Amino acid sequence: MGIIDNINKLFDHRIRLGIMSILAVNEDADFNRLKELLDVTDGNLASHLKALEQAEYILVEKSFVGRKPNTRYSASKLGRAAFRKHIEALEKLIQKPKK
C-alpha cells in the first residue's frame, strides 16, 4: 500500500479541504461564517457542502435565529477520521526520508 492510497479524493478541492479544516478546529460553523472564511459564492459553497454531507463527513443542523433560517455544520466522527487520515498521508508524502 503506497503513501498516496490514504489521500482522499473528496478533499482534492480546496473548498472542501477548507470546510473540513474549519470544522476540524471548531465545534461547528454556520453557512455565512464558512462563506466568509472561504470567500466563495453561496452556490459554490452549497455544492461542496452537499458533497461532504452525502459522504456523511459533515452533519447539518437547520434552525431559526429569530425569523431567519440558520444552517450549522459540524464534522461527523467519520469525517474527522477521514480528514485526519488524509492530513497524515499528506504529511508522510512531504516528510524528508530518514537516513
PDB file of N, CA and C in Angstrom:
ATOM      1  N   MET A   1       0.849  -1.192   0.000  1.00  0.00           N
ATOM      2  CA  MET A   1       0.000   0.000   0.000  1.00  0.00           C
ATOM      3  C   MET A   1       0.889   1.247   0.000  1.00  0.00           C
ATOM      4  N   GLY A   2       0.705   2.107  -0.984  1.00  0.00           N
ATOM      5  CA  GLY A   2       1.526   3.301  -1.112  1.00  0.00           C
ATOM      6  C   GLY A   2       1.042   4.440  -0.239  1.00  0.00           C
ATOM      7  N   ILE A   3       1.900   5.429  -0.094  1.00  0.00           N
ATOM      8  CA  ILE A   3       1.583   6.607   0.727  1.00  0.00           C
ATOM      9  C   ILE A   3       0.330   7.309   0.216  1.00  0.00           C
ATOM     10  N   ILE A   4       0.201   7.408  -1.103  1.00  0.00           N
ATOM     11  CA  ILE A   4      -0.925   8.190  -1.636  1.00  0.00           C
ATOM     12  C   ILE A   4      -2.266   7.463  -1.573  1.00  0.00           C
ATOM     13  N   ASP A   5      -2.268   6.203  -1.156  1.00  0.00           N
ATOM     14  CA  ASP A   5      -3.529   5.463  -1.031  1.00  0.00           C
ATOM     15  C   ASP A   5      -4.470   6.091  -0.001  1.00  0.00           C
ATOM     16  N   ASN A   6      -3.920   6.756   1.004  1.00  0.00           N
ATOM     17  CA  ASN A   6      -4.754   7.367   2.046  1.00  0.00           C
ATOM     18  C   ASN A   6      -5.149   8.803   1.730  1.00  0.00           C
ATOM     19  N   ILE A   7      -4.713   9.315   0.579  1.00  0.00           N
ATOM     20  CA  ILE A   7      -5.133  10.657   0.178  1.00  0.00           C
ATOM     21  C   ILE A   7      -6.555  10.553  -0.371  1.00  0.00           C
ATOM     22  N   ASN A   8      -7.443  11.310   0.230  1.00  0.00           N
ATOM     23  CA  ASN A   8      -8.872  11.215  -0.065  1.00  0.00           C
ATOM     24  C   ASN A   8      -9.247  12.163  -1.207  1.00  0.00           C
ATOM     25  N   LYS A   9      -9.753  11.596  -2.296  1.00  0.00           N
ATOM     26  CA  LYS A   9     -10.143  12.383  -3.479  1.00  0.00           C
ATOM     27  C   LYS A   9     -11.186  13.450  -3.135  1.00  0.00           C
ATOM     28  N   LEU A  10     -12.017  13.184  -2.149  1.00  0.00           N
ATOM     29  CA  LEU A  10     -13.061  14.141  -1.778  1.00  0.00           C
ATOM     30  C   LEU A  10     -12.457  15.452  -1.261  1.00  0.00           C
ATOM     31  N   PHE A  11     -11.251  15.370  -0.717  1.00  0.00           N
ATOM     32  CA  PHE A  11     -10.597  16.572  -0.187  1.00  0.00           C
ATOM     33  C   PHE A  11      -9.663  17.215  -1.212  1.00  0.00           C
ATOM     34  N   ASP A  12      -9.698  16.758  -2.464  1.00  0.00           N
ATOM     35  CA  ASP A  12      -8.862  17.328  -3.515  1.00  0.00           C
ATOM     36  C   ASP A  12      -9.189  18.794  -3.787  1.00  0.00           C
ATOM     37  N   HIS A  13     -10.448  19.136  -3.658  1.00  0.00           N
ATOM     38  CA  HIS A  13     -10.851  20.507  -3.958  1.00  0.00           C
ATOM     39  C   HIS A  13     -10.558  21.419  -2.767  1.00  0.00           C
ATOM     40  N   ARG A  14     -10.010  22.582  -3.044  1.00  0.00           N
ATOM     41  CA  ARG A  14      -9.601  23.493  -1.963  1.00  0.00           C
ATOM     42  C   ARG A  14     -10.767  23.929  -1.080  1.00  0.00           C
ATOM     43  N   ILE A  15     -11.977  24.029  -1.638  1.00  0.00           N
ATOM     44  CA  ILE A  15     -13.117  24.464  -0.818  1.00  0.00           C
ATOM     45  C   ILE A  15     -13.517  23.373   0.161  1.00  0.00           C
ATOM     46  N   ARG A  16     -13.567  22.120  -0.298  1.00  0.00           N
ATOM     47  CA  ARG A  16     -13.893  21.021   0.618  1.00  0.00           C
ATOM     48  C   ARG A  16     -12.789  20.848   1.665  1.00  0.00           C
ATOM     49  N   LEU A  17     -11.552  21.026   1.252  1.00  0.00           N
ATOM     50  CA  LEU A  17     -10.431  20.962   2.191  1.00  0.00           C
ATOM     51  C   LEU A  17     -10.572  22.086   3.223  1.00  0.00           C
ATOM     52  N   GLY A  18     -10.953  23.266   2.757  1.00  0.00           N
ATOM     53  CA  GLY A  18     -11.160  24.406   3.653  1.00  0.00           C
ATOM     54  C   GLY A  18     -12.303  24.179   4.631  1.00  0.00           C
ATOM     55  N   ILE A  19     -13.405  23.647   4.138  1.00  0.00           N
ATOM     56  CA  ILE A  19     -14.561  23.364   5.004  1.00  0.00           C
ATOM     57  C   ILE A  19     -14.144  22.413   6.119  1.00  0.00           C
ATOM     58  N   MET A  20     -13.488  21.312   5.741  1.00  0.00           N
ATOM     59  CA  MET A  20     -13.090  20.321   6.740  1.00  0.00           C
ATOM     60  C   MET A  20     -12.044  20.880   7.698  1.00  0.00           C
ATOM     61  N   SER A  21     -11.158  21.733   7.216  1.00  0.00           N
ATOM     62  CA  SER A  21     -10.159  22.354   8.085  1.00  0.00           C
ATOM     63  C   SER A  21     -10.830  23.219   9.142  1.00  0.00           C
ATOM     64  N   ILE A  22     -11.809  23.998   8.703  1.00  0.00           N
ATOM     65  CA  ILE A  22     -12.548  24.868   9.638  1.00  0.00           C
ATOM     66  C   ILE A  22     -13.304  24.030  10.658  1.00  0.00           C
ATOM     67  N   LEU A  23     -13.975  22.975  10.181  1.00  0.00           N
ATOM     68  CA  LEU A  23     -14.782  22.153  11.081  1.00  0.00           C
ATOM     69  C   LEU A  23     -13.929  21.258  11.980  1.00  0.00           C
ATOM     70  N   ALA A  24     -12.692  21.028  11.591  1.00  0.00           N
ATOM     71  CA  ALA A  24     -11.797  20.208  12.418  1.00  0.00           C
ATOM     72  C   ALA A  24     -11.345  20.977  13.667  1.00  0.00           C
ATOM     73  N   VAL A  25     -11.254  22.294  13.551  1.00  0.00           N
ATOM     74  CA  VAL A  25     -10.772  23.094  14.681  1.00  0.00           C
ATOM     75  C   VAL A  25     -11.885  23.866  15.403  1.00  0.00           C
ATOM     76  N   ASN A  26     -13.103  23.801  14.876  1.00  0.00           N
ATOM     77  CA  ASN A  26     -14.258  24.444  15.508  1.00  0.00           C
ATOM     78  C   ASN A  26     -15.328  23.389  15.722  1.00  0.00           C
ATOM     79  N   GLU A  27     -16.088  23.552  16.783  1.00  0.00           N
ATOM     80  CA  GLU A  27     -17.166  22.594  17.050  1.00  0.00           C
ATOM     81  C   GLU A  27     -18.163  22.586  15.900  1.00  0.00           C
ATOM     82  N   ASP A  28     -18.476  23.783  15.398  1.00  0.00           N
ATOM     83  CA  ASP A  28     -19.374  23.911  14.252  1.00  0.00           C
ATOM     84  C   ASP A  28     -19.193  25.296  13.634  1.00  0.00           C
ATOM     85  N   ALA A  29     -19.834  25.489  12.501  1.00  0.00           N
ATOM     86  CA  ALA A  29     -19.807  26.794  11.834  1.00  0.00           C
ATOM     87  C   ALA A  29     -21.075  26.912  11.008  1.00  0.00           C
ATOM     88  N   ASP A  30     -21.627  28.124  10.937  1.00  0.00           N
ATOM     89  CA  ASP A  30     -22.824  28.283  10.117  1.00  0.00           C
ATOM     90  C   ASP A  30     -22.435  28.636   8.682  1.00  0.00           C
ATOM     91  N   PHE A  31     -23.422  28.596   7.805  1.00  0.00           N
ATOM     92  CA  PHE A  31     -23.206  28.800   6.376  1.00  0.00           C
ATOM     93  C   PHE A  31     -22.497  30.122   6.103  1.00  0.00           C
ATOM     94  N   ASN A  32     -22.979  31.192   6.717  1.00  0.00           N
ATOM     95  CA  ASN A  32     -22.402  32.513   6.454  1.00  0.00           C
ATOM     96  C   ASN A  32     -20.954  32.618   6.925  1.00  0.00           C
ATOM     97  N   ARG A  33     -20.638  31.992   8.036  1.00  0.00           N
ATOM     98  CA  ARG A  33     -19.266  32.009   8.553  1.00  0.00           C
ATOM     99  C   ARG A  33     -18.335  31.263   7.594  1.00  0.00           C
ATOM    100  N   LEU A  34     -18.772  30.093   7.117  1.00  0.00           N
ATOM    101  CA  LEU A  34     -17.973  29.329   6.154  1.00  0.00           C
ATOM    102  C   LEU A  34     -17.773  30.146   4.874  1.00  0.00           C
ATOM    103  N   LYS A  35     -18.856  30.765   4.421  1.00  0.00           N
ATOM    104  CA  LYS A  35     -18.802  31.570   3.193  1.00  0.00           C
ATOM    105  C   LYS A  35     -17.803  32.713   3.343  1.00  0.00           C
ATOM    106  N   GLU A  36     -17.842  33.366   4.485  1.00  0.00           N
ATOM    107  CA  GLU A  36     -16.948  34.492   4.761  1.00  0.00           C
ATOM    108  C   GLU A  36     -15.488  34.027   4.855  1.00  0.00           C
ATOM    109  N   LEU A  37     -15.228  32.954   5.586  1.00  0.00           N
ATOM    110  CA  LEU A  37     -13.865  32.464   5.768  1.00  0.00           C
ATOM    111  C   LEU A  37     -13.250  31.952   4.467  1.00  0.00           C
ATOM    112  N   LEU A  38     -14.080  31.310   3.635  1.00  0.00           N
ATOM    113  CA  LEU A  38     -13.570  30.705   2.404  1.00  0.00           C
ATOM    114  C   LEU A  38     -13.671  31.636   1.195  1.00  0.00           C
ATOM    115  N   ASP A  39     -14.408  32.746   1.348  1.00  0.00           N
ATOM    116  CA  ASP A  39     -14.573  33.733   0.278  1.00  0.00           C
ATOM    117  C   ASP A  39     -15.101  33.087  -1.005  1.00  0.00           C
ATOM    118  N   VAL A  40     -16.271  32.447  -0.868  1.00  0.00           N
ATOM    119  CA  VAL A  40     -16.903  31.762  -2.001  1.00  0.00           C
ATOM    120  C   VAL A  40     -18.358  32.217  -2.135  1.00  0.00           C
ATOM    121  N   THR A  41     -18.959  31.889  -3.280  1.00  0.00           N
ATOM    122  CA  THR A  41     -20.367  32.231  -3.504  1.00  0.00           C
ATOM    123  C   THR A  41     -21.263  31.226  -2.779  1.00  0.00           C
ATOM    124  N   ASP A  42     -22.516  31.601  -2.581  1.00  0.00           N
ATOM    125  CA  ASP A  42     -23.496  30.712  -1.945  1.00  0.00           C
ATOM    126  C   ASP A  42     -23.585  29.373  -2.674  1.00  0.00           C
ATOM    127  N   GLY A  43     -23.742  29.444  -3.994  1.00  0.00           N
ATOM    128  CA  GLY A  43     -23.926  28.231  -4.790  1.00  0.00           C
ATOM    129  C   GLY A  43     -22.715  27.318  -4.751  1.00  0.00           C
ATOM    130  N   ASN A  44     -21.540  27.911  -4.837  1.00  0.00           N
ATOM    131  CA  ASN A  44     -20.305  27.140  -4.804  1.00  0.00           C
ATOM    132  C   ASN A  44     -20.162  26.432  -3.455  1.00  0.00           C
ATOM    133  N   LEU A  45     -20.362  27.161  -2.372  1.00  0.00           N
ATOM    134  CA  LEU A  45     -20.261  26.584  -1.035  1.00  0.00           C
ATOM    135  C   LEU A  45     -21.306  25.488  -0.852  1.00  0.00           C
ATOM    136  N   ALA A  46     -22.534  25.755  -1.267  1.00  0.00           N
ATOM    137  CA  ALA A  46     -23.621  24.786  -1.096  1.00  0.00           C
ATOM    138  C   ALA A  46     -23.308  23.468  -1.799  1.00  0.00           C
ATOM    139  N   SER A  47     -22.744  23.524  -3.002  1.00  0.00           N
ATOM    140  CA  SER A  47     -22.462  22.284  -3.730  1.00  0.00           C
ATOM    141  C   SER A  47     -21.363  21.468  -3.042  1.00  0.00           C
ATOM    142  N   HIS A  48     -20.366  22.142  -2.478  1.00  0.00           N
ATOM    143  CA  HIS A  48     -19.301  21.424  -1.777  1.00  0.00           C
ATOM    144  C   HIS A  48     -19.784  20.874  -0.436  1.00  0.00           C
ATOM    145  N   LEU A  49     -20.639  21.622   0.242  1.00  0.00           N
ATOM    146  CA  LEU A  49     -21.227  21.117   1.487  1.00  0.00           C
ATOM    147  C   LEU A  49     -22.076  19.881   1.209  1.00  0.00           C
ATOM    148  N   LYS A  50     -22.821  19.905   0.107  1.00  0.00           N
ATOM    149  CA  LYS A  50     -23.674  18.772  -0.269  1.00  0.00           C
ATOM    150  C   LYS A  50     -22.822  17.522  -0.502  1.00  0.00           C
ATOM    151  N   ALA A  51     -21.681  17.672  -1.182  1.00  0.00           N
ATOM    152  CA  ALA A  51     -20.788  16.532  -1.444  1.00  0.00           C
ATOM    153  C   ALA A  51     -20.274  15.936  -0.132  1.00  0.00           C
ATOM    154  N   LEU A  52     -19.899  16.794   0.813  1.00  0.00           N
ATOM    155  CA  LEU A  52     -19.415  16.310   2.112  1.00  0.00           C
ATOM    156  C   LEU A  52     -20.539  15.684   2.925  1.00  0.00           C
ATOM    157  N   GLU A  53     -21.742  16.248   2.799  1.00  0.00           N
ATOM    158  CA  GLU A  53     -22.899  15.698   3.504  1.00  0.00           C
ATOM    159  C   GLU A  53     -23.251  14.314   2.946  1.00  0.00           C
ATOM    160  N   GLN A  54     -23.216  14.165   1.634  1.00  0.00           N
ATOM    161  CA  GLN A  54     -23.539  12.876   1.011  1.00  0.00           C
ATOM    162  C   GLN A  54     -22.534  11.794   1.404  1.00  0.00           C
ATOM    163  N   ALA A  55     -21.290  12.198   1.639  1.00  0.00           N
ATOM    164  CA  ALA A  55     -20.261  11.251   2.077  1.00  0.00           C
ATOM    165  C   ALA A  55     -20.365  10.972   3.580  1.00  0.00           C
ATOM    166  N   GLU A  56     -21.290  11.683   4.244  1.00  0.00           N
ATOM    167  CA  GLU A  56     -21.517  11.592   5.688  1.00  0.00           C
ATOM    168  C   GLU A  56     -20.305  12.079   6.483  1.00  0.00           C
ATOM    169  N   TYR A  57     -19.578  13.046   5.914  1.00  0.00           N
ATOM    170  CA  TYR A  57     -18.422  13.633   6.586  1.00  0.00           C
ATOM    171  C   TYR A  57     -18.815  14.842   7.430  1.00  0.00           C
ATOM    172  N   ILE A  58     -19.987  15.418   7.139  1.00  0.00           N
ATOM    173  CA  ILE A  58     -20.456  16.549   7.940  1.00  0.00           C
ATOM    174  C   ILE A  58     -21.896  16.314   8.364  1.00  0.00           C
ATOM    175  N   LEU A  59     -22.255  16.949   9.469  1.00  0.00           N
ATOM    176  CA  LEU A  59     -23.627  16.910   9.978  1.00  0.00           C
ATOM    177  C   LEU A  59     -24.236  18.290   9.764  1.00  0.00           C
ATOM    178  N   VAL A  60     -25.517  18.316   9.432  1.00  0.00           N
ATOM    179  CA  VAL A  60     -26.206  19.565   9.128  1.00  0.00           C
ATOM    180  C   VAL A  60     -27.341  19.760  10.124  1.00  0.00           C
ATOM    181  N   GLU A  61     -27.388  20.936  10.717  1.00  0.00           N
ATOM    182  CA  GLU A  61     -28.451  21.254  11.677  1.00  0.00           C
ATOM    183  C   GLU A  61     -29.121  22.555  11.248  1.00  0.00           C
ATOM    184  N   LYS A  62     -30.405  22.465  10.924  1.00  0.00           N
ATOM    185  CA  LYS A  62     -31.151  23.650  10.492  1.00  0.00           C
ATOM    186  C   LYS A  62     -32.024  24.135  11.648  1.00  0.00           C
ATOM    187  N   SER A  63     -32.033  25.443  11.840  1.00  0.00           N
ATOM    188  CA  SER A  63     -32.850  26.041  12.893  1.00  0.00           C
ATOM    189  C   SER A  63     -33.203  27.462  12.482  1.00  0.00           C
ATOM    190  N   PHE A  64     -33.863  28.170  13.368  1.00  0.00           N
ATOM    191  CA  PHE A  64     -34.182  29.574  13.126  1.00  0.00           C
ATOM    192  C   PHE A  64     -33.558  30.418  14.221  1.00  0.00           C
ATOM    193  N   VAL A  65     -32.988  31.537  13.824  1.00  0.00           N
ATOM    194  CA  VAL A  65     -32.493  32.537  14.765  1.00  0.00           C
ATOM    195  C   VAL A  65     -33.412  33.727  14.555  1.00  0.00           C
ATOM    196  N   GLY A  66     -34.339  33.914  15.511  1.00  0.00           N
ATOM    197  CA  GLY A  66     -35.403  34.879  15.286  1.00  0.00           C
ATOM    198  C   GLY A  66     -36.269  34.324  14.168  1.00  0.00           C
ATOM    199  N   ARG A  67     -36.439  35.089  13.112  1.00  0.00           N
ATOM    200  CA  ARG A  67     -37.224  34.620  11.962  1.00  0.00           C
ATOM    201  C   ARG A  67     -36.347  34.151  10.802  1.00  0.00           C
ATOM    202  N   LYS A  68     -35.041  34.225  11.010  1.00  0.00           N
ATOM    203  CA  LYS A  68     -34.121  33.863   9.923  1.00  0.00           C
ATOM    204  C   LYS A  68     -33.666  32.411  10.041  1.00  0.00           C
ATOM    205  N   PRO A  69     -33.703  31.688   8.916  1.00  0.00           N
ATOM    206  CA  PRO A  69     -33.185  30.317   8.946  1.00  0.00           C
ATOM    207  C   PRO A  69     -31.666  30.330   9.155  1.00  0.00           C
ATOM    208  N   ASN A  70     -31.190  29.359   9.904  1.00  0.00           N
ATOM    209  CA  ASN A  70     -29.759  29.254  10.172  1.00  0.00           C
ATOM    210  C   ASN A  70     -29.345  27.799  10.005  1.00  0.00           C
ATOM    211  N   THR A  71     -28.318  27.566   9.200  1.00  0.00           N
ATOM    212  CA  THR A  71     -27.829  26.211   8.984  1.00  0.00           C
ATOM    213  C   THR A  71     -26.423  26.117   9.530  1.00  0.00           C
ATOM    214  N   ARG A  72     -26.226  25.164  10.451  1.00  0.00           N
ATOM    215  CA  ARG A  72     -24.919  24.960  11.074  1.00  0.00           C
ATOM    216  C   ARG A  72     -24.370  23.612  10.623  1.00  0.00           C
ATOM    217  N   TYR A  73     -23.060  23.567  10.488  1.00  0.00           N
ATOM    218  CA  TYR A  73     -22.376  22.359  10.030  1.00  0.00           C
ATOM    219  C   TYR A  73     -21.334  21.950  11.060  1.00  0.00           C
ATOM    220  N   SER A  74     -21.164  20.659  11.224  1.00  0.00           N
ATOM    221  CA  SER A  74     -20.105  20.133  12.081  1.00  0.00           C
ATOM    222  C   SER A  74     -19.550  18.881  11.419  1.00  0.00           C
ATOM    223  N   ALA A  75     -18.315  18.555  11.752  1.00  0.00           N
ATOM    224  CA  ALA A  75     -17.694  17.356  11.194  1.00  0.00           C
ATOM    225  C   ALA A  75     -18.233  16.138  11.942  1.00  0.00           C
ATOM    226  N   SER A  76     -18.601  15.106  11.203  1.00  0.00           N
ATOM    227  CA  SER A  76     -19.043  13.859  11.832  1.00  0.00           C
ATOM    228  C   SER A  76     -17.813  13.088  12.300  1.00  0.00           C
ATOM    229  N   LYS A  77     -18.043  12.052  13.084  1.00  0.00           N
ATOM    230  CA  LYS A  77     -16.951  11.195  13.550  1.00  0.00           C
ATOM    231  C   LYS A  77     -16.222  10.600  12.335  1.00  0.00           C
ATOM    232  N   LEU A  78     -16.992  10.130  11.365  1.00  0.00           N
ATOM    233  CA  LEU A  78     -16.437   9.566  10.134  1.00  0.00           C
ATOM    234  C   LEU A  78     -15.621  10.619   9.381  1.00  0.00           C
ATOM    235  N   GLY A  79     -16.170  11.829   9.289  1.00  0.00           N
ATOM    236  CA  GLY A  79     -15.494  12.916   8.589  1.00  0.00           C
ATOM    237  C   GLY A  79     -14.186  13.305   9.254  1.00  0.00           C
ATOM    238  N   ARG A  80     -14.205  13.386  10.588  1.00  0.00           N
ATOM    239  CA  ARG A  80     -12.973  13.717  11.324  1.00  0.00           C
ATOM    240  C   ARG A  80     -11.895  12.655  11.089  1.00  0.00           C
ATOM    241  N   ALA A  81     -12.299  11.396  11.122  1.00  0.00           N
ATOM    242  CA  ALA A  81     -11.349  10.290  10.923  1.00  0.00           C
ATOM    243  C   ALA A  81     -10.781  10.318   9.499  1.00  0.00           C
ATOM    244  N   ALA A  82     -11.638  10.525   8.513  1.00  0.00           N
ATOM    245  CA  ALA A  82     -11.194  10.564   7.111  1.00  0.00           C
ATOM    246  C   ALA A  82     -10.263  11.754   6.877  1.00  0.00           C
ATOM    247  N   PHE A  83     -10.591  12.889   7.476  1.00  0.00           N
ATOM    248  CA  PHE A  83      -9.773  14.083   7.301  1.00  0.00           C
ATOM    249  C   PHE A  83      -8.407  13.903   7.963  1.00  0.00           C
ATOM    250  N   ARG A  84      -8.408  13.335   9.164  1.00  0.00           N
ATOM    251  CA  ARG A  84      -7.152  13.077   9.877  1.00  0.00           C
ATOM    252  C   ARG A  84      -6.254  12.140   9.058  1.00  0.00           C
ATOM    253  N   LYS A  85      -6.859  11.095   8.504  1.00  0.00           N
ATOM    254  CA  LYS A  85      -6.120  10.133   7.679  1.00  0.00           C
ATOM    255  C   LYS A  85      -5.533  10.830   6.441  1.00  0.00           C
ATOM    256  N   HIS A  86      -6.310  11.710   5.845  1.00  0.00           N
ATOM    257  CA  HIS A  86      -5.880  12.470   4.665  1.00  0.00           C
ATOM    258  C   HIS A  86      -4.688  13.369   5.007  1.00  0.00           C
ATOM    259  N   ILE A  87      -4.787  14.093   6.108  1.00  0.00           N
ATOM    260  CA  ILE A  87      -3.719  15.006   6.528  1.00  0.00           C
ATOM    261  C   ILE A  87      -2.454  14.214   6.860  1.00  0.00           C
ATOM    262  N   GLU A  88      -2.610  13.077   7.549  1.00  0.00           N
ATOM    263  CA  GLU A  88      -1.447  12.245   7.879  1.00  0.00           C
ATOM    264  C   GLU A  88      -0.765  11.740   6.610  1.00  0.00           C
ATOM    265  N   ALA A  89      -1.550  11.373   5.603  1.00  0.00           N
ATOM    266  CA  ALA A  89      -0.986  10.902   4.330  1.00  0.00           C
ATOM    267  C   ALA A  89      -0.211  12.030   3.643  1.00  0.00           C
ATOM    268  N   LEU A  90      -0.764  13.245   3.675  1.00  0.00           N
ATOM    269  CA  LEU A  90      -0.065  14.393   3.087  1.00  0.00           C
ATOM    270  C   LEU A  90       1.245  14.665   3.827  1.00  0.00           C
ATOM    271  N   GLU A  91       1.205  14.566   5.161  1.00  0.00           N
ATOM    272  CA  GLU A  91       2.414  14.801   5.953  1.00  0.00           C
ATOM    273  C   GLU A  91       3.489  13.767   5.620  1.00  0.00           C
ATOM    274  N   LYS A  92       3.105  12.510   5.472  1.00  0.00           N
ATOM    275  CA  LYS A  92       4.060  11.459   5.120  1.00  0.00           C
ATOM    276  C   LYS A  92       4.653  11.716   3.736  1.00  0.00           C
ATOM    277  N   LEU A  93       3.820  12.221   2.849  1.00  0.00           N
ATOM    278  CA  LEU A  93       4.252  12.482   1.485  1.00  0.00           C
ATOM    279  C   LEU A  93       5.336  13.567   1.419  1.00  0.00           C
ATOM    280  N   ILE A  94       5.235  14.561   2.310  1.00  0.00           N
ATOM    281  CA  ILE A  94       6.193  15.672   2.253  1.00  0.00           C
ATOM    282  C   ILE A  94       7.342  15.530   3.243  1.00  0.00           C
ATOM    283  N   GLN A  95       7.320  14.493   4.061  1.00  0.00           N
ATOM    284  CA  GLN A  95       8.411  14.273   5.030  1.00  0.00           C
ATOM    285  C   GLN A  95       9.702  13.931   4.305  1.00  0.00           C
ATOM    286  N   LYS A  96      10.781  14.385   4.879  1.00  0.00           N
ATOM    287  CA  LYS A  96      12.088  14.001   4.347  1.00  0.00           C
ATOM    288  C   LYS A  96      12.334  12.542   4.721  1.00  0.00           C
ATOM    289  N   PRO A  97      12.878  11.768   3.804  1.00  0.00           N
ATOM    290  CA  PRO A  97      13.180  10.370   4.141  1.00  0.00           C
ATOM    291  C   PRO A  97      14.243  10.299   5.247  1.00  0.00           C
ATOM    292  N   LYS A  98      14.054   9.371   6.156  1.00  0.00           N
ATOM    293  CA  LYS A  98      15.021   9.187   7.252  1.00  0.00           C
ATOM    294  C   LYS A  98      16.235   8.443   6.713  1.00  0.00           C
ATOM    295  N   LYS A  99      17.412   8.893   7.124  1.00  0.00           N
ATOM    296  CA  LYS A  99      18.644   8.247   6.633  1.00  0.00           C
ATOM    297  C   LYS A  99      19.217   7.323   7.669  1.00  0.00           C
TER     298      LYS A  99
END
